[in-house]
């Protein structure tokens, strides 16, 4: 019976963020939970690493160990002209269900959730496509140095922002319904998350500090997982592993060497590009950081400890 229940749960969990590459209607609910997600945290947006990237705001995802925060991230859209409609949690029938986000020609209904940074609950004011080039509204989006396609329009902020930090739509949260225009957008051609968005969520899932059970709904670093922030957080995880004895001296040397190599590569790339990373360099560094994050997690949860570097005394399990 226990095996059967586990198999059913894994099947449901697999549907949580399973989005078809192309969809022609509003994405259906993935998983239903009886516990409400925590409130959306307040944080500062990291600067855009390169022109052409769009901001996808942070959200609470759900896994076998409960809710965990997935910080916002700058990503390249699947193609020119597409905008991101964030996913959202909806409450109904005593359950909280996840409605997956998608890329499309317009920003549709996202539950009335105020994710900030141009996603104020209704519509989108972070920027717009102009002749195949994305123009950034610097009133709400933080661009890096050297950006040329920018403008500032503060008049749209108060007109589109729902002033709350609710994380779900329905009783006890935001009470919003799609407009006729948003319903029309729901029938346009949609595209699912990019590989970078998928790997970004996977990296957030293995970082225990993102879990509501650990941070009590207040992530220590809700602002994102940029190159510098990720390195700081992973160094803190290494230090904690050393203090707790979860990392052996050999494991510590290995992950520290990896961290140093990633830091040096990012430093060299910035020096060669006027102090910033190109989109391709940012993706490469983030890929390496994702791999390093998993390595740190595996090393901290295997049978080896500082006291028993060859494995646990009994059964090979860490205490």
C-alpha atoms as a PDB file:
ATOM      1  CA  UNK A   1       0.000   0.000   0.000  1.00  0.00           C
ATOM      2  CA  UNK A   2       2.797   2.439   0.918  1.00  0.00           C
ATOM      3  CA  UNK A   3       4.547   1.751  -2.406  1.00  0.00           C
ATOM      4  CA  UNK A   4       1.297   2.361  -4.287  1.00  0.00           C
ATOM      5  CA  UNK A   5       0.693   5.681  -2.518  1.00  0.00           C
ATOM      6  CA  UNK A   6       4.266   6.788  -3.219  1.00  0.00           C
ATOM      7  CA  UNK A   7       3.869   5.943  -6.900  1.00  0.00           C
ATOM      8  CA  UNK A   8       0.664   7.962  -7.079  1.00  0.00           C
ATOM      9  CA  UNK A   9       2.325  10.930  -5.406  1.00  0.00           C
ATOM     10  CA  UNK A  10       5.264  10.817  -7.780  1.00  0.00           C
ATOM     11  CA  UNK A  11       2.868  10.787 -10.707  1.00  0.00           C
ATOM     12  CA  UNK A  12       1.096  13.894  -9.379  1.00  0.00           C
ATOM     13  CA  UNK A  13       4.384  15.608  -8.600  1.00  0.00           C
ATOM     14  CA  UNK A  14       5.580  14.940 -12.115  1.00  0.00           C
ATOM     15  CA  UNK A  15       2.588  16.884 -13.402  1.00  0.00           C
ATOM     16  CA  UNK A  16       3.338  19.919 -11.236  1.00  0.00           C
ATOM     17  CA  UNK A  17       5.418  21.756 -13.811  1.00  0.00           C
ATOM     18  CA  UNK A  18       4.857  19.518 -16.829  1.00  0.00           C
ATOM     19  CA  UNK A  19       3.934  21.961 -19.582  1.00  0.00           C
ATOM     20  CA  UNK A  20       3.598  20.958 -23.227  1.00  0.00           C
ATOM     21  CA  UNK A  21       5.993  22.749 -25.558  1.00  0.00           C
ATOM     22  CA  UNK A  22       3.055  24.321 -27.367  1.00  0.00           C
ATOM     23  CA  UNK A  23      -0.410  24.797 -25.908  1.00  0.00           C
ATOM     24  CA  UNK A  24      -3.465  26.535 -27.339  1.00  0.00           C
ATOM     25  CA  UNK A  25      -5.477  27.018 -24.144  1.00  0.00           C
ATOM     26  CA  UNK A  26      -5.014  28.010 -20.516  1.00  0.00           C
ATOM     27  CA  UNK A  27      -2.728  25.453 -18.857  1.00  0.00           C
ATOM     28  CA  UNK A  28      -4.612  23.098 -16.542  1.00  0.00           C
ATOM     29  CA  UNK A  29      -3.998  22.654 -12.836  1.00  0.00           C
ATOM     30  CA  UNK A  30      -1.032  20.399 -12.040  1.00  0.00           C
ATOM     31  CA  UNK A  31      -1.023  19.391  -8.368  1.00  0.00           C
ATOM     32  CA  UNK A  32      -3.519  20.086  -5.585  1.00  0.00           C
ATOM     33  CA  UNK A  33      -2.359  20.783  -2.022  1.00  0.00           C
ATOM     34  CA  UNK A  34      -4.334  21.342   1.184  1.00  0.00           C
ATOM     35  CA  UNK A  35      -1.862  23.863   2.663  1.00  0.00           C
ATOM     36  CA  UNK A  36      -1.661  27.437   1.388  1.00  0.00           C
ATOM     37  CA  UNK A  37       1.645  28.710  -0.035  1.00  0.00           C
ATOM     38  CA  UNK A  38       3.444  31.421   1.995  1.00  0.00           C
ATOM     39  CA  UNK A  39       3.139  35.088   1.072  1.00  0.00           C
ATOM     40  CA  UNK A  40       5.216  36.490  -1.795  1.00  0.00           C
ATOM     41  CA  UNK A  41       8.394  37.942  -0.212  1.00  0.00           C
ATOM     42  CA  UNK A  42       9.535  41.511  -0.848  1.00  0.00           C
ATOM     43  CA  UNK A  43      12.946  41.746  -2.513  1.00  0.00           C
ATOM     44  CA  UNK A  44      15.063  43.799  -4.893  1.00  0.00           C
ATOM     45  CA  UNK A  45      15.432  42.789  -8.509  1.00  0.00           C
ATOM     46  CA  UNK A  46      18.991  41.951  -9.632  1.00  0.00           C
ATOM     47  CA  UNK A  47      20.146  43.813 -12.766  1.00  0.00           C
ATOM     48  CA  UNK A  48      19.492  42.312 -16.174  1.00  0.00           C
ATOM     49  CA  UNK A  49      22.723  40.641 -17.378  1.00  0.00           C
ATOM     50  CA  UNK A  50      22.276  41.414 -21.077  1.00  0.00           C
ATOM     51  CA  UNK A  51      19.828  43.050 -23.475  1.00  0.00           C
ATOM     52  CA  UNK A  52      17.136  40.728 -24.786  1.00  0.00           C
ATOM     53  CA  UNK A  53      16.579  38.908 -21.484  1.00  0.00           C
ATOM     54  CA  UNK A  54      13.202  39.118 -19.735  1.00  0.00           C
ATOM     55  CA  UNK A  55      12.462  38.873 -16.009  1.00  0.00           C
ATOM     56  CA  UNK A  56      10.428  35.888 -14.800  1.00  0.00           C
ATOM     57  CA  UNK A  57       9.379  36.568 -11.187  1.00  0.00           C
ATOM     58  CA  UNK A  58       9.926  34.292  -8.202  1.00  0.00           C
ATOM     59  CA  UNK A  59       7.223  31.890  -6.994  1.00  0.00           C
ATOM     60  CA  UNK A  60       6.528  29.159  -4.458  1.00  0.00           C
ATOM     61  CA  UNK A  61       6.848  25.659  -5.940  1.00  0.00           C
ATOM     62  CA  UNK A  62       5.861  22.428  -4.197  1.00  0.00           C
ATOM     63  CA  UNK A  63       7.801  19.177  -3.849  1.00  0.00           C
ATOM     64  CA  UNK A  64       7.906  16.070  -1.639  1.00  0.00           C
ATOM     65  CA  UNK A  65       9.306  18.205   1.216  1.00  0.00           C
ATOM     66  CA  UNK A  66       6.773  21.015   0.895  1.00  0.00           C
ATOM     67  CA  UNK A  67       6.855  24.507  -0.534  1.00  0.00           C
ATOM     68  CA  UNK A  68      10.160  26.000  -1.660  1.00  0.00           C
ATOM     69  CA  UNK A  69      10.954  29.423  -3.087  1.00  0.00           C
ATOM     70  CA  UNK A  70      12.142  29.644  -6.678  1.00  0.00           C
ATOM     71  CA  UNK A  71      13.793  33.071  -7.043  1.00  0.00           C
ATOM     72  CA  UNK A  72      13.110  35.187 -10.079  1.00  0.00           C
ATOM     73  CA  UNK A  73      15.541  34.936 -12.967  1.00  0.00           C
ATOM     74  CA  UNK A  74      16.435  36.772 -16.169  1.00  0.00           C
ATOM     75  CA  UNK A  75      16.101  34.458 -19.171  1.00  0.00           C
ATOM     76  CA  UNK A  76      16.021  34.622 -22.950  1.00  0.00           C
ATOM     77  CA  UNK A  77      12.491  34.052 -24.316  1.00  0.00           C
ATOM     78  CA  UNK A  78      11.987  31.119 -26.711  1.00  0.00           C
ATOM     79  CA  UNK A  79      11.632  33.566 -29.585  1.00  0.00           C
ATOM     80  CA  UNK A  80      11.367  37.272 -30.337  1.00  0.00           C
ATOM     81  CA  UNK A  81       7.998  38.817 -29.501  1.00  0.00           C
ATOM     82  CA  UNK A  82       7.047  36.510 -26.635  1.00  0.00           C
ATOM     83  CA  UNK A  83       6.223  37.595 -23.073  1.00  0.00           C
ATOM     84  CA  UNK A  84       6.036  35.575 -19.855  1.00  0.00           C
ATOM     85  CA  UNK A  85       2.741  34.949 -18.047  1.00  0.00           C
ATOM     86  CA  UNK A  86       3.648  33.809 -14.493  1.00  0.00           C
ATOM     87  CA  UNK A  87       2.104  30.717 -12.976  1.00  0.00           C
ATOM     88  CA  UNK A  88      -0.087  31.009  -9.900  1.00  0.00           C
ATOM     89  CA  UNK A  89      -1.755  29.025  -7.126  1.00  0.00           C
ATOM     90  CA  UNK A  90      -5.558  28.935  -7.097  1.00  0.00           C
ATOM     91  CA  UNK A  91      -7.769  27.863  -4.194  1.00  0.00           C
ATOM     92  CA  UNK A  92     -11.021  26.000  -4.693  1.00  0.00           C
ATOM     93  CA  UNK A  93     -12.838  23.020  -3.209  1.00  0.00           C
ATOM     94  CA  UNK A  94     -10.532  23.029  -0.195  1.00  0.00           C
ATOM     95  CA  UNK A  95      -7.401  22.550  -2.336  1.00  0.00           C
ATOM     96  CA  UNK A  96      -4.613  24.758  -3.700  1.00  0.00           C
ATOM     97  CA  UNK A  97      -3.765  24.003  -7.320  1.00  0.00           C
ATOM     98  CA  UNK A  98      -0.872  25.252  -9.434  1.00  0.00           C
ATOM     99  CA  UNK A  99      -1.611  26.866 -12.808  1.00  0.00           C
ATOM    100  CA  UNK A 100       1.627  26.766 -14.802  1.00  0.00           C
ATOM    101  CA  UNK A 101       3.139  29.833 -16.464  1.00  0.00           C
ATOM    102  CA  UNK A 102       3.799  30.104 -20.187  1.00  0.00           C
ATOM    103  CA  UNK A 103       5.299  32.223 -22.967  1.00  0.00           C
ATOM    104  CA  UNK A 104       2.976  33.896 -25.441  1.00  0.00           C
ATOM    105  CA  UNK A 105       2.443  37.065 -27.501  1.00  0.00           C
ATOM    106  CA  UNK A 106       0.542  38.689 -24.602  1.00  0.00           C
ATOM    107  CA  UNK A 107       0.605  38.413 -20.821  1.00  0.00           C
ATOM    108  CA  UNK A 108      -2.574  36.664 -19.764  1.00  0.00           C
ATOM    109  CA  UNK A 109      -4.303  35.994 -16.447  1.00  0.00           C
ATOM    110  CA  UNK A 110      -2.004  35.070 -13.562  1.00  0.00           C
ATOM    111  CA  UNK A 111      -4.464  34.998 -10.701  1.00  0.00           C
ATOM    112  CA  UNK A 112      -4.236  38.651  -9.749  1.00  0.00           C
ATOM    113  CA  UNK A 113      -1.001  37.889  -7.879  1.00  0.00           C
ATOM    114  CA  UNK A 114       1.267  40.903  -7.342  1.00  0.00           C
ATOM    115  CA  UNK A 115       4.671  39.456  -8.189  1.00  0.00           C
ATOM    116  CA  UNK A 116       6.173  42.939  -8.547  1.00  0.00           C
ATOM    117  CA  UNK A 117       8.539  44.261 -11.213  1.00  0.00           C
ATOM    118  CA  UNK A 118       5.871  44.956 -13.804  1.00  0.00           C
ATOM    119  CA  UNK A 119       3.687  41.984 -12.878  1.00  0.00           C
ATOM    120  CA  UNK A 120       1.359  43.885 -10.550  1.00  0.00           C
ATOM    121  CA  UNK A 121      -1.534  41.422 -10.667  1.00  0.00           C
ATOM    122  CA  UNK A 122      -3.079  42.602 -13.931  1.00  0.00           C
ATOM    123  CA  UNK A 123      -1.202  42.856 -17.222  1.00  0.00           C
ATOM    124  CA  UNK A 124       2.477  43.700 -17.553  1.00  0.00           C
ATOM    125  CA  UNK A 125       4.389  47.016 -17.587  1.00  0.00           C
ATOM    126  CA  UNK A 126       8.035  45.918 -17.476  1.00  0.00           C
ATOM    127  CA  UNK A 127       8.655  46.693 -21.114  1.00  0.00           C
ATOM    128  CA  UNK A 128       7.516  45.985 -24.663  1.00  0.00           C
ATOM    129  CA  UNK A 129       8.712  44.639 -27.978  1.00  0.00           C
ATOM    130  CA  UNK A 130       9.538  47.295 -30.560  1.00  0.00           C
ATOM    131  CA  UNK A 131      10.416  46.089 -34.030  1.00  0.00           C
ATOM    132  CA  UNK A 132      11.962  42.837 -32.856  1.00  0.00           C
ATOM    133  CA  UNK A 133      13.893  44.491 -30.014  1.00  0.00           C
ATOM    134  CA  UNK A 134      12.772  44.512 -26.394  1.00  0.00           C
ATOM    135  CA  UNK A 135      12.585  47.949 -24.746  1.00  0.00           C
ATOM    136  CA  UNK A 136      12.883  48.033 -20.941  1.00  0.00           C
ATOM    137  CA  UNK A 137      10.756  50.237 -18.681  1.00  0.00           C
ATOM    138  CA  UNK A 138      13.387  51.295 -16.170  1.00  0.00           C
ATOM    139  CA  UNK A 139      10.680  52.549 -13.824  1.00  0.00           C
ATOM    140  CA  UNK A 140      10.094  48.924 -12.819  1.00  0.00           C
ATOM    141  CA  UNK A 141      12.972  46.867 -14.265  1.00  0.00           C
ATOM    142  CA  UNK A 142      16.605  47.088 -13.174  1.00  0.00           C
ATOM    143  CA  UNK A 143      18.794  47.057 -16.278  1.00  0.00           C
ATOM    144  CA  UNK A 144      22.558  46.715 -16.353  1.00  0.00           C
ATOM    145  CA  UNK A 145      25.003  49.255 -17.716  1.00  0.00           C
ATOM    146  CA  UNK A 146      25.140  50.040 -21.422  1.00  0.00           C
ATOM    147  CA  UNK A 147      21.496  49.266 -22.226  1.00  0.00           C
ATOM    148  CA  UNK A 148      20.215  51.319 -25.176  1.00  0.00           C
ATOM    149  CA  UNK A 149      16.576  50.285 -25.593  1.00  0.00           C
ATOM    150  CA  UNK A 150      15.106  51.758 -22.423  1.00  0.00           C
ATOM    151  CA  UNK A 151      12.325  54.158 -21.435  1.00  0.00           C
ATOM    152  CA  UNK A 152      10.691  55.265 -18.195  1.00  0.00           C
ATOM    153  CA  UNK A 153       6.935  55.229 -17.652  1.00  0.00           C
ATOM    154  CA  UNK A 154       5.846  55.534 -14.041  1.00  0.00           C
ATOM    155  CA  UNK A 155       2.215  56.340 -14.804  1.00  0.00           C
ATOM    156  CA  UNK A 156       1.395  52.681 -15.485  1.00  0.00           C
ATOM    157  CA  UNK A 157       2.562  51.424 -12.067  1.00  0.00           C
ATOM    158  CA  UNK A 158      -0.293  52.566  -9.833  1.00  0.00           C
ATOM    159  CA  UNK A 159      -2.851  51.772 -12.516  1.00  0.00           C
ATOM    160  CA  UNK A 160      -1.914  48.083 -12.712  1.00  0.00           C
ATOM    161  CA  UNK A 161      -0.617  47.071  -9.269  1.00  0.00           C
ATOM    162  CA  UNK A 162      -2.753  45.137  -6.792  1.00  0.00           C
ATOM    163  CA  UNK A 163      -1.327  46.181  -3.426  1.00  0.00           C
ATOM    164  CA  UNK A 164      -0.928  42.950  -1.468  1.00  0.00           C
ATOM    165  CA  UNK A 165       1.461  40.046  -1.135  1.00  0.00           C
ATOM    166  CA  UNK A 166      -1.024  37.176  -1.422  1.00  0.00           C
ATOM    167  CA  UNK A 167       0.425  34.130  -3.137  1.00  0.00           C
ATOM    168  CA  UNK A 168      -2.816  32.501  -4.302  1.00  0.00           C
ATOM    169  CA  UNK A 169      -6.119  33.303  -5.936  1.00  0.00           C
ATOM    170  CA  UNK A 170      -9.366  32.460  -4.174  1.00  0.00           C
ATOM    171  CA  UNK A 171     -10.951  32.637  -0.738  1.00  0.00           C
ATOM    172  CA  UNK A 172      -8.428  33.984   1.762  1.00  0.00           C
ATOM    173  CA  UNK A 173      -6.220  35.358  -1.028  1.00  0.00           C
ATOM    174  CA  UNK A 174      -6.684  37.500  -4.120  1.00  0.00           C
ATOM    175  CA  UNK A 175     -10.236  37.462  -5.444  1.00  0.00           C
ATOM    176  CA  UNK A 176      -9.636  38.065  -9.141  1.00  0.00           C
ATOM    177  CA  UNK A 177     -11.170  36.689 -12.341  1.00  0.00           C
ATOM    178  CA  UNK A 178      -9.842  36.971 -15.901  1.00  0.00           C
ATOM    179  CA  UNK A 179     -11.089  39.790 -18.070  1.00  0.00           C
ATOM    180  CA  UNK A 180     -12.532  39.128 -21.503  1.00  0.00           C
ATOM    181  CA  UNK A 181      -9.217  40.263 -22.974  1.00  0.00           C
ATOM    182  CA  UNK A 182      -7.252  37.865 -20.749  1.00  0.00           C
ATOM    183  CA  UNK A 183      -9.566  35.007 -21.671  1.00  0.00           C
ATOM    184  CA  UNK A 184      -8.784  35.747 -25.302  1.00  0.00           C
ATOM    185  CA  UNK A 185      -5.058  35.650 -24.597  1.00  0.00           C
ATOM    186  CA  UNK A 186      -5.584  32.213 -23.055  1.00  0.00           C
ATOM    187  CA  UNK A 187      -6.428  30.833 -26.499  1.00  0.00           C
ATOM    188  CA  UNK A 188      -3.279  32.098 -28.223  1.00  0.00           C
ATOM    189  CA  UNK A 189      -0.335  29.866 -29.057  1.00  0.00           C
ATOM    190  CA  UNK A 190       1.687  29.288 -25.897  1.00  0.00           C
ATOM    191  CA  UNK A 191       5.142  27.892 -25.176  1.00  0.00           C
ATOM    192  CA  UNK A 192       6.329  26.194 -22.010  1.00  0.00           C
ATOM    193  CA  UNK A 193       9.313  27.028 -19.836  1.00  0.00           C
ATOM    194  CA  UNK A 194      12.743  27.191 -21.422  1.00  0.00           C
ATOM    195  CA  UNK A 195      15.473  24.706 -20.387  1.00  0.00           C
ATOM    196  CA  UNK A 196      17.118  27.511 -18.383  1.00  0.00           C
ATOM    197  CA  UNK A 197      13.928  28.050 -16.397  1.00  0.00           C
ATOM    198  CA  UNK A 198      13.647  24.324 -15.711  1.00  0.00           C
ATOM    199  CA  UNK A 199      17.264  24.023 -14.530  1.00  0.00           C
ATOM    200  CA  UNK A 200      16.823  27.169 -12.424  1.00  0.00           C
ATOM    201  CA  UNK A 201      13.927  25.588 -10.543  1.00  0.00           C
ATOM    202  CA  UNK A 202      15.866  22.340 -10.102  1.00  0.00           C
ATOM    203  CA  UNK A 203      18.738  24.304  -8.542  1.00  0.00           C
ATOM    204  CA  UNK A 204      16.310  26.043  -6.187  1.00  0.00           C
ATOM    205  CA  UNK A 205      14.798  22.684  -5.182  1.00  0.00           C
ATOM    206  CA  UNK A 206      18.092  21.231  -3.915  1.00  0.00           C
ATOM    207  CA  UNK A 207      18.909  24.326  -1.829  1.00  0.00           C
ATOM    208  CA  UNK A 208      17.374  23.614   1.582  1.00  0.00           C
ATOM    209  CA  UNK A 209      17.398  27.286   2.554  1.00  0.00           C
ATOM    210  CA  UNK A 210      14.625  27.868  -0.004  1.00  0.00           C
ATOM    211  CA  UNK A 211      12.163  25.571   1.805  1.00  0.00           C
ATOM    212  CA  UNK A 212       9.354  27.123   3.836  1.00  0.00           C
ATOM    213  CA  UNK A 213       9.927  24.422   6.467  1.00  0.00           C
ATOM    214  CA  UNK A 214      13.415  25.911   6.954  1.00  0.00           C
ATOM    215  CA  UNK A 215      12.893  29.637   6.351  1.00  0.00           C
ATOM    216  CA  UNK A 216       9.289  29.780   7.678  1.00  0.00           C
ATOM    217  CA  UNK A 217       8.118  31.537   4.546  1.00  0.00           C
ATOM    218  CA  UNK A 218      10.875  34.149   4.559  1.00  0.00           C
ATOM    219  CA  UNK A 219      13.730  33.082   2.223  1.00  0.00           C
ATOM    220  CA  UNK A 220      17.140  34.449   3.179  1.00  0.00           C
ATOM    221  CA  UNK A 221      17.849  35.352  -0.454  1.00  0.00           C
ATOM    222  CA  UNK A 222      14.539  35.888  -2.245  1.00  0.00           C
ATOM    223  CA  UNK A 223      16.095  38.362  -4.668  1.00  0.00           C
ATOM    224  CA  UNK A 224      17.435  35.744  -7.029  1.00  0.00           C
ATOM    225  CA  UNK A 225      20.261  33.412  -7.841  1.00  0.00           C
ATOM    226  CA  UNK A 226      22.581  35.634  -9.838  1.00  0.00           C
ATOM    227  CA  UNK A 227      26.218  34.646 -10.253  1.00  0.00           C
ATOM    228  CA  UNK A 228      27.481  36.535  -7.192  1.00  0.00           C
ATOM    229  CA  UNK A 229      24.517  35.674  -4.965  1.00  0.00           C
ATOM    230  CA  UNK A 230      24.723  32.000  -5.919  1.00  0.00           C
ATOM    231  CA  UNK A 231      28.430  31.875  -5.104  1.00  0.00           C
ATOM    232  CA  UNK A 232      27.889  33.480  -1.700  1.00  0.00           C
ATOM    233  CA  UNK A 233      25.084  31.092  -0.849  1.00  0.00           C
ATOM    234  CA  UNK A 234      27.013  28.022  -1.952  1.00  0.00           C
ATOM    235  CA  UNK A 235      30.022  29.124   0.059  1.00  0.00           C
ATOM    236  CA  UNK A 236      27.753  29.426   3.101  1.00  0.00           C
ATOM    237  CA  UNK A 237      26.488  25.890   2.460  1.00  0.00           C
ATOM    238  CA  UNK A 238      30.071  24.624   2.332  1.00  0.00           C
ATOM    239  CA  UNK A 239      30.924  26.414   5.587  1.00  0.00           C
ATOM    240  CA  UNK A 240      27.859  24.931   7.260  1.00  0.00           C
ATOM    241  CA  UNK A 241      28.810  21.466   6.021  1.00  0.00           C
ATOM    242  CA  UNK A 242      32.302  21.853   7.478  1.00  0.00           C
ATOM    243  CA  UNK A 243      30.960  23.065  10.846  1.00  0.00           C
ATOM    244  CA  UNK A 244      28.407  20.254  11.087  1.00  0.00           C
ATOM    245  CA  UNK A 245      30.898  17.604   9.999  1.00  0.00           C
ATOM    246  CA  UNK A 246      28.788  16.619   6.979  1.00  0.00           C
ATOM    247  CA  UNK A 247      31.681  17.372   4.626  1.00  0.00           C
ATOM    248  CA  UNK A 248      34.928  15.452   4.878  1.00  0.00           C
ATOM    249  CA  UNK A 249      38.241  17.309   4.294  1.00  0.00           C
ATOM    250  CA  UNK A 250      38.503  15.678   0.869  1.00  0.00           C
ATOM    251  CA  UNK A 251      34.963  16.676  -0.095  1.00  0.00           C
ATOM    252  CA  UNK A 252      35.601  20.215   1.145  1.00  0.00           C
ATOM    253  CA  UNK A 253      38.764  20.586  -0.938  1.00  0.00           C
ATOM    254  CA  UNK A 254      36.954  19.319  -4.011  1.00  0.00           C
ATOM    255  CA  UNK A 255      33.972  21.680  -3.804  1.00  0.00           C
ATOM    256  CA  UNK A 256      36.161  24.631  -2.760  1.00  0.00           C
ATOM    257  CA  UNK A 257      38.366  24.077  -5.822  1.00  0.00           C
ATOM    258  CA  UNK A 258      35.263  24.014  -8.004  1.00  0.00           C
ATOM    259  CA  UNK A 259      33.974  27.229  -6.438  1.00  0.00           C
ATOM    260  CA  UNK A 260      37.314  28.943  -7.018  1.00  0.00           C
ATOM    261  CA  UNK A 261      37.374  27.854 -10.668  1.00  0.00           C
ATOM    262  CA  UNK A 262      33.843  29.196 -11.252  1.00  0.00           C
ATOM    263  CA  UNK A 263      34.708  32.491  -9.534  1.00  0.00           C
ATOM    264  CA  UNK A 264      37.872  32.920 -11.620  1.00  0.00           C
ATOM    265  CA  UNK A 265      36.039  32.142 -14.854  1.00  0.00           C
ATOM    266  CA  UNK A 266      33.346  34.731 -14.082  1.00  0.00           C
ATOM    267  CA  UNK A 267      36.005  37.287 -13.139  1.00  0.00           C
ATOM    268  CA  UNK A 268      37.912  36.735 -16.387  1.00  0.00           C
ATOM    269  CA  UNK A 269      34.728  36.927 -18.479  1.00  0.00           C
ATOM    270  CA  UNK A 270      33.772  40.242 -16.859  1.00  0.00           C
ATOM    271  CA  UNK A 271      37.232  41.712 -17.439  1.00  0.00           C
ATOM    272  CA  UNK A 272      36.982  40.856 -21.127  1.00  0.00           C
ATOM    273  CA  UNK A 273      33.476  42.335 -21.529  1.00  0.00           C
ATOM    274  CA  UNK A 274      33.598  45.717 -19.823  1.00  0.00           C
ATOM    275  CA  UNK A 275      32.663  44.486 -16.354  1.00  0.00           C
ATOM    276  CA  UNK A 276      29.632  42.345 -17.175  1.00  0.00           C
ATOM    277  CA  UNK A 277      28.783  38.851 -18.419  1.00  0.00           C
ATOM    278  CA  UNK A 278      27.277  38.208 -21.827  1.00  0.00           C
ATOM    279  CA  UNK A 279      24.111  36.108 -21.992  1.00  0.00           C
ATOM    280  CA  UNK A 280      26.039  33.025 -23.116  1.00  0.00           C
ATOM    281  CA  UNK A 281      28.644  33.490 -20.360  1.00  0.00           C
ATOM    282  CA  UNK A 282      25.929  33.962 -17.729  1.00  0.00           C
ATOM    283  CA  UNK A 283      24.212  30.743 -18.830  1.00  0.00           C
ATOM    284  CA  UNK A 284      27.516  28.845 -18.776  1.00  0.00           C
ATOM    285  CA  UNK A 285      28.357  30.052 -15.248  1.00  0.00           C
ATOM    286  CA  UNK A 286      24.850  29.283 -14.001  1.00  0.00           C
ATOM    287  CA  UNK A 287      25.076  25.778 -15.485  1.00  0.00           C
ATOM    288  CA  UNK A 288      28.328  25.191 -13.607  1.00  0.00           C
ATOM    289  CA  UNK A 289      26.813  26.582 -10.402  1.00  0.00           C
ATOM    290  CA  UNK A 290      23.808  24.268 -10.772  1.00  0.00           C
ATOM    291  CA  UNK A 291      26.153  21.298 -11.098  1.00  0.00           C
ATOM    292  CA  UNK A 292      28.205  22.477  -8.117  1.00  0.00           C
ATOM    293  CA  UNK A 293      25.052  22.961  -6.026  1.00  0.00           C
ATOM    294  CA  UNK A 294      24.072  19.347  -6.632  1.00  0.00           C
ATOM    295  CA  UNK A 295      27.618  18.219  -5.773  1.00  0.00           C
ATOM    296  CA  UNK A 296      27.513  20.057  -2.443  1.00  0.00           C
ATOM    297  CA  UNK A 297      24.118  18.537  -1.650  1.00  0.00           C
ATOM    298  CA  UNK A 298      25.279  15.012  -2.518  1.00  0.00           C
ATOM    299  CA  UNK A 299      28.473  15.357  -0.485  1.00  0.00           C
ATOM    300  CA  UNK A 300      26.546  16.606   2.544  1.00  0.00           C
ATOM    301  CA  UNK A 301      24.046  13.751   2.372  1.00  0.00           C
ATOM    302  CA  UNK A 302      26.172  10.722   1.549  1.00  0.00           C
ATOM    303  CA  UNK A 303      27.491   8.235   4.103  1.00  0.00           C
ATOM    304  CA  UNK A 304      30.781  10.065   4.642  1.00  0.00           C
ATOM    305  CA  UNK A 305      31.349  12.519   7.491  1.00  0.00           C
ATOM    306  CA  UNK A 306      34.321  14.327   8.985  1.00  0.00           C
ATOM    307  CA  UNK A 307      34.326  11.785  11.840  1.00  0.00           C
ATOM    308  CA  UNK A 308      33.922   8.821   9.476  1.00  0.00           C
ATOM    309  CA  UNK A 309      35.456   9.838   6.119  1.00  0.00           C
ATOM    310  CA  UNK A 310      35.122   6.315   4.728  1.00  0.00           C
ATOM    311  CA  UNK A 311      31.436   5.988   5.587  1.00  0.00           C
ATOM    312  CA  UNK A 312      29.011   5.625   8.473  1.00  0.00           C
ATOM    313  CA  UNK A 313      29.621   3.163  11.271  1.00  0.00           C
ATOM    314  CA  UNK A 314      26.376   1.313  10.650  1.00  0.00           C
ATOM    315  CA  UNK A 315      24.472   1.048   7.423  1.00  0.00           C
ATOM    316  CA  UNK A 316      26.395   3.847   5.751  1.00  0.00           C
ATOM    317  CA  UNK A 317      23.873   6.477   6.823  1.00  0.00           C
ATOM    318  CA  UNK A 318      24.676   9.931   8.110  1.00  0.00           C
ATOM    319  CA  UNK A 319      23.238  10.734  11.463  1.00  0.00           C
END
